[in-house]
Amino acid sequence: MSNSNRVDRLYDLWPYTKSDGTFDYEKYREVQIAANLRKKDRVWALRPNIAFLSEYIRARVPSVRFGLCHGTRSGKEQEWFAEDLGCEVLGTEISPAAATIPRTIVWDFHEAKPEWIGNVDFIYSNSFDHTYDPERCLNTWMRCLSSNGVCILEHSTGHVGAKETDPFGAPLHVMPFLALQFGRGKYAVHEILRAPETTKMDGVEFEAAFLVLKNNSW
Protein backbone atom coordinates (compact mmCIF):
# COMPACT_ATOMS: atom_id res chain seq x y z
CA MET A 1 0.00 0.00 0.00
CA SER A 2 2.98 2.30 0.33
CA ASN A 3 4.52 4.09 -2.61
CA SER A 4 7.39 1.60 -2.57
CA ASN A 5 4.95 -1.17 -3.51
CA ARG A 6 4.01 0.47 -6.80
CA VAL A 7 5.00 -1.37 -9.98
CA ASP A 8 7.69 0.85 -11.50
CA ARG A 9 5.66 3.81 -10.23
CA LEU A 10 3.07 3.27 -12.98
CA TYR A 11 0.18 4.10 -10.69
CA ASP A 12 -0.52 6.49 -7.86
CA LEU A 13 -1.71 5.44 -4.41
CA TRP A 14 -2.72 7.76 -1.62
CA PRO A 15 -0.89 6.83 1.61
CA TYR A 16 -3.33 6.35 4.48
CA THR A 17 -0.73 6.15 7.22
CA LYS A 18 -0.61 6.65 10.95
CA SER A 19 2.15 8.64 12.63
CA ASP A 20 4.13 5.41 13.06
CA GLY A 21 3.95 4.69 9.32
CA THR A 22 1.45 1.81 9.53
CA PHE A 23 -1.73 1.64 7.48
CA ASP A 24 -4.64 3.60 8.93
CA TYR A 25 -7.71 1.59 7.93
CA GLU A 26 -10.05 3.62 10.12
CA LYS A 27 -8.96 6.80 8.34
CA TYR A 28 -9.62 5.18 4.96
CA ARG A 29 -13.05 4.04 6.07
CA GLU A 30 -13.88 7.44 7.57
CA VAL A 31 -12.91 9.28 4.37
CA GLN A 32 -14.84 6.89 2.14
CA ILE A 33 -18.00 7.08 4.23
CA ALA A 34 -17.87 10.88 4.34
CA ALA A 35 -17.43 11.04 0.56
CA ASN A 36 -20.33 8.65 0.07
CA LEU A 37 -22.64 10.80 2.16
CA ARG A 38 -21.62 13.96 0.30
CA LYS A 39 -22.19 12.35 -3.10
CA LYS A 40 -25.05 9.97 -2.29
CA ASP A 41 -27.29 11.41 -5.00
CA ARG A 42 -24.66 11.29 -7.74
CA VAL A 43 -24.73 8.40 -10.22
CA TRP A 44 -21.57 7.78 -12.27
CA ALA A 45 -22.92 4.83 -14.25
CA LEU A 46 -25.10 5.57 -17.29
CA ARG A 47 -28.16 3.54 -18.23
CA PRO A 48 -27.14 3.05 -21.91
CA ASN A 49 -23.70 1.83 -20.84
CA ILE A 50 -25.18 -0.74 -18.45
CA ALA A 51 -27.54 -1.91 -21.21
CA PHE A 52 -24.51 -2.28 -23.51
CA LEU A 53 -22.64 -4.31 -20.89
CA SER A 54 -25.70 -6.45 -20.19
CA GLU A 55 -25.82 -7.47 -23.85
CA TYR A 56 -22.10 -8.22 -23.75
CA ILE A 57 -22.45 -10.37 -20.63
CA ARG A 58 -25.49 -12.23 -21.97
CA ALA A 59 -23.60 -13.15 -25.15
CA ARG A 60 -20.51 -14.43 -23.36
CA VAL A 61 -21.58 -15.86 -20.03
CA PRO A 62 -24.02 -18.76 -20.35
CA SER A 63 -26.92 -18.84 -17.89
CA VAL A 64 -26.08 -15.75 -15.84
CA ARG A 65 -27.33 -16.33 -12.29
CA PHE A 66 -25.53 -13.90 -10.01
CA GLY A 67 -23.58 -10.67 -10.31
CA LEU A 68 -21.82 -8.23 -8.00
CA CYS A 69 -21.43 -4.48 -8.36
CA HIS A 70 -18.82 -2.97 -6.06
CA GLY A 71 -18.84 0.55 -4.65
CA THR A 72 -22.30 1.44 -5.93
CA ARG A 73 -23.38 4.40 -3.76
CA SER A 74 -27.04 4.85 -4.82
CA GLY A 75 -27.43 1.33 -6.20
CA LYS A 76 -28.41 2.10 -9.79
CA GLU A 77 -25.91 -0.31 -11.35
CA GLN A 78 -27.35 -3.42 -9.70
CA GLU A 79 -30.89 -2.24 -10.34
CA TRP A 80 -30.23 -1.86 -14.07
CA PHE A 81 -28.23 -5.09 -14.45
CA ALA A 82 -30.97 -7.02 -12.65
CA GLU A 83 -33.60 -5.54 -14.99
CA ASP A 84 -31.60 -6.36 -18.11
CA LEU A 85 -30.29 -9.80 -17.18
CA GLY A 86 -33.15 -11.11 -15.06
CA CYS A 87 -30.81 -12.46 -12.40
CA GLU A 88 -29.79 -11.67 -8.84
CA VAL A 89 -27.38 -8.73 -8.64
CA LEU A 90 -25.99 -7.48 -5.35
CA GLY A 91 -24.21 -4.18 -4.73
CA THR A 92 -21.64 -3.39 -2.06
CA GLU A 93 -20.91 -0.05 -0.42
CA ILE A 94 -18.72 0.69 2.60
CA SER A 95 -21.02 3.41 3.92
CA PRO A 96 -23.67 2.43 6.49
CA ALA A 97 -26.12 4.44 4.35
CA ALA A 98 -26.15 1.46 1.99
CA ALA A 99 -28.37 -0.42 4.43
CA THR A 100 -31.32 1.60 3.14
CA ILE A 101 -30.66 0.91 -0.55
CA PRO A 102 -32.31 -2.07 -2.29
CA ARG A 103 -30.04 -4.92 -3.44
CA THR A 104 -27.12 -3.42 -1.47
CA ILE A 105 -25.11 -4.53 1.54
CA VAL A 106 -22.72 -2.56 3.74
CA TRP A 107 -19.41 -4.13 2.78
CA ASP A 108 -15.72 -3.40 2.17
CA PHE A 109 -15.03 -4.62 -1.36
CA HIS A 110 -11.51 -5.73 -0.43
CA GLU A 111 -13.16 -8.72 1.26
CA ALA A 112 -15.23 -11.60 -0.13
CA LYS A 113 -17.98 -13.64 1.43
CA PRO A 114 -17.16 -17.37 1.34
CA GLU A 115 -20.25 -18.09 -0.76
CA TRP A 116 -19.02 -15.71 -3.45
CA ILE A 117 -15.79 -17.59 -4.17
CA GLY A 118 -16.08 -19.20 -7.61
CA ASN A 119 -19.78 -18.39 -7.86
CA VAL A 120 -20.10 -14.90 -9.35
CA ASP A 121 -20.91 -14.74 -13.07
CA PHE A 122 -20.00 -11.09 -13.46
CA ILE A 123 -18.50 -8.29 -11.40
CA TYR A 124 -18.85 -4.67 -12.42
CA SER A 125 -17.31 -1.61 -10.79
CA ASN A 126 -16.57 1.99 -11.63
CA SER A 127 -15.05 2.42 -8.16
CA PHE A 128 -11.70 0.67 -8.46
CA ASP A 129 -10.13 4.07 -7.88
CA HIS A 130 -11.40 3.79 -4.29
CA THR A 131 -9.14 0.86 -3.44
CA TYR A 132 -6.36 1.32 -0.89
CA ASP A 133 -4.66 -1.85 -2.12
CA PRO A 134 -5.31 -2.52 -5.84
CA GLU A 135 -3.50 -5.86 -5.92
CA ARG A 136 -5.42 -7.30 -2.98
CA CYS A 137 -8.68 -5.86 -4.27
CA LEU A 138 -8.42 -7.23 -7.81
CA ASN A 139 -7.20 -10.64 -6.64
CA THR A 140 -10.21 -10.85 -4.32
CA TRP A 141 -12.64 -10.00 -7.10
CA MET A 142 -11.11 -12.45 -9.56
CA ARG A 143 -11.29 -15.30 -7.02
CA CYS A 144 -15.04 -14.77 -6.91
CA LEU A 145 -15.64 -15.41 -10.61
CA SER A 146 -17.31 -18.56 -11.88
CA SER A 147 -15.53 -20.57 -14.58
CA ASN A 148 -16.96 -18.42 -17.39
CA GLY A 149 -17.28 -15.26 -15.32
CA VAL A 150 -16.05 -11.79 -16.25
CA CYS A 151 -14.90 -8.82 -14.20
CA ILE A 152 -15.61 -5.47 -15.84
CA LEU A 153 -13.80 -2.37 -14.65
CA GLU A 154 -15.04 0.99 -15.90
CA HIS A 155 -11.93 3.14 -16.21
CA SER A 156 -12.10 6.74 -17.36
CA THR A 157 -9.97 9.80 -17.94
CA GLY A 158 -11.02 10.79 -14.42
CA HIS A 159 -9.34 7.76 -12.88
CA VAL A 160 -5.76 9.04 -13.09
CA GLY A 161 -3.93 10.59 -10.17
CA ALA A 162 -4.62 9.86 -6.52
CA LYS A 163 -6.30 11.86 -3.79
CA GLU A 164 -7.64 11.11 -0.36
CA THR A 165 -11.14 10.23 -1.55
CA ASP A 166 -9.95 8.37 -4.68
CA PRO A 167 -6.72 6.74 -3.52
CA PHE A 168 -5.83 4.75 -6.67
CA GLY A 169 -5.08 6.31 -10.04
CA ALA A 170 -3.57 4.99 -13.27
CA PRO A 171 -3.75 5.71 -17.01
CA LEU A 172 -5.89 3.29 -18.98
CA HIS A 173 -2.97 1.97 -21.03
CA VAL A 174 -1.13 0.60 -17.99
CA MET A 175 -4.12 -1.25 -16.53
CA PRO A 176 -3.61 -4.48 -18.57
CA PHE A 177 0.00 -4.63 -17.39
CA LEU A 178 -1.03 -4.06 -13.79
CA ALA A 179 -3.62 -6.85 -14.03
CA LEU A 180 -0.96 -9.30 -15.22
CA GLN A 181 1.42 -8.16 -12.50
CA PHE A 182 -1.17 -8.34 -9.71
CA GLY A 183 -2.48 -11.74 -10.82
CA ARG A 184 0.90 -13.27 -11.62
CA GLY A 185 -0.60 -14.55 -14.88
CA LYS A 186 -3.68 -16.12 -13.28
CA TYR A 187 -5.93 -13.61 -15.03
CA ALA A 188 -5.70 -10.96 -17.71
CA VAL A 189 -7.54 -8.17 -19.50
CA HIS A 190 -9.10 -9.97 -22.47
CA GLU A 191 -10.89 -7.04 -24.06
CA ILE A 192 -11.15 -3.28 -23.78
CA LEU A 193 -14.53 -1.90 -24.84
CA ARG A 194 -15.29 1.72 -25.59
CA ALA A 195 -18.22 3.04 -23.57
CA PRO A 196 -21.14 4.08 -25.81
CA GLU A 197 -21.76 7.25 -23.79
CA THR A 198 -19.50 9.55 -21.79
CA THR A 199 -20.11 10.67 -18.22
CA LYS A 200 -20.38 14.30 -17.20
CA MET A 201 -19.74 15.49 -13.66
CA ASP A 202 -19.66 19.15 -12.63
CA GLY A 203 -19.53 20.18 -16.27
CA VAL A 204 -16.53 17.95 -17.05
CA GLU A 205 -16.86 15.14 -19.60
CA PHE A 206 -15.01 11.89 -18.93
CA GLU A 207 -14.32 9.35 -21.67
CA ALA A 208 -14.59 5.81 -20.35
CA ALA A 209 -13.62 2.31 -21.38
CA PHE A 210 -14.52 -1.08 -19.96
CA LEU A 211 -11.70 -3.49 -19.18
CA VAL A 212 -12.95 -7.08 -19.32
CA LEU A 213 -10.90 -9.44 -17.15
CA LYS A 214 -11.11 -13.23 -17.16
CA ASN A 215 -9.30 -15.93 -15.25
CA ASN A 216 -6.83 -17.89 -17.37
CA SER A 217 -7.27 -21.64 -17.69
CA TRP A 218 -3.79 -22.59 -18.91
Foldseek 3Di string as FASTA:
>chain_A
DDCVPDDVSQKFFDQQADPVGDHDVVLLLVLQQVVLVVCLPDFQDDLVLLLVVLVVLPVQQPPAAEAEEEQGRQPPSQVSSCVSNVHQYAYEHCHPVQVVHPRYDNDDLLADDPVQFQPHQEYEYQQCLSDNDNLSNVVRVQRRHHQRHKYKYKDKPVQGDADSNRGMHHDPVCVQVVVCVSVVQQKGQPDKAWGPDWGDDPRDTITIIIGIMHGDDD
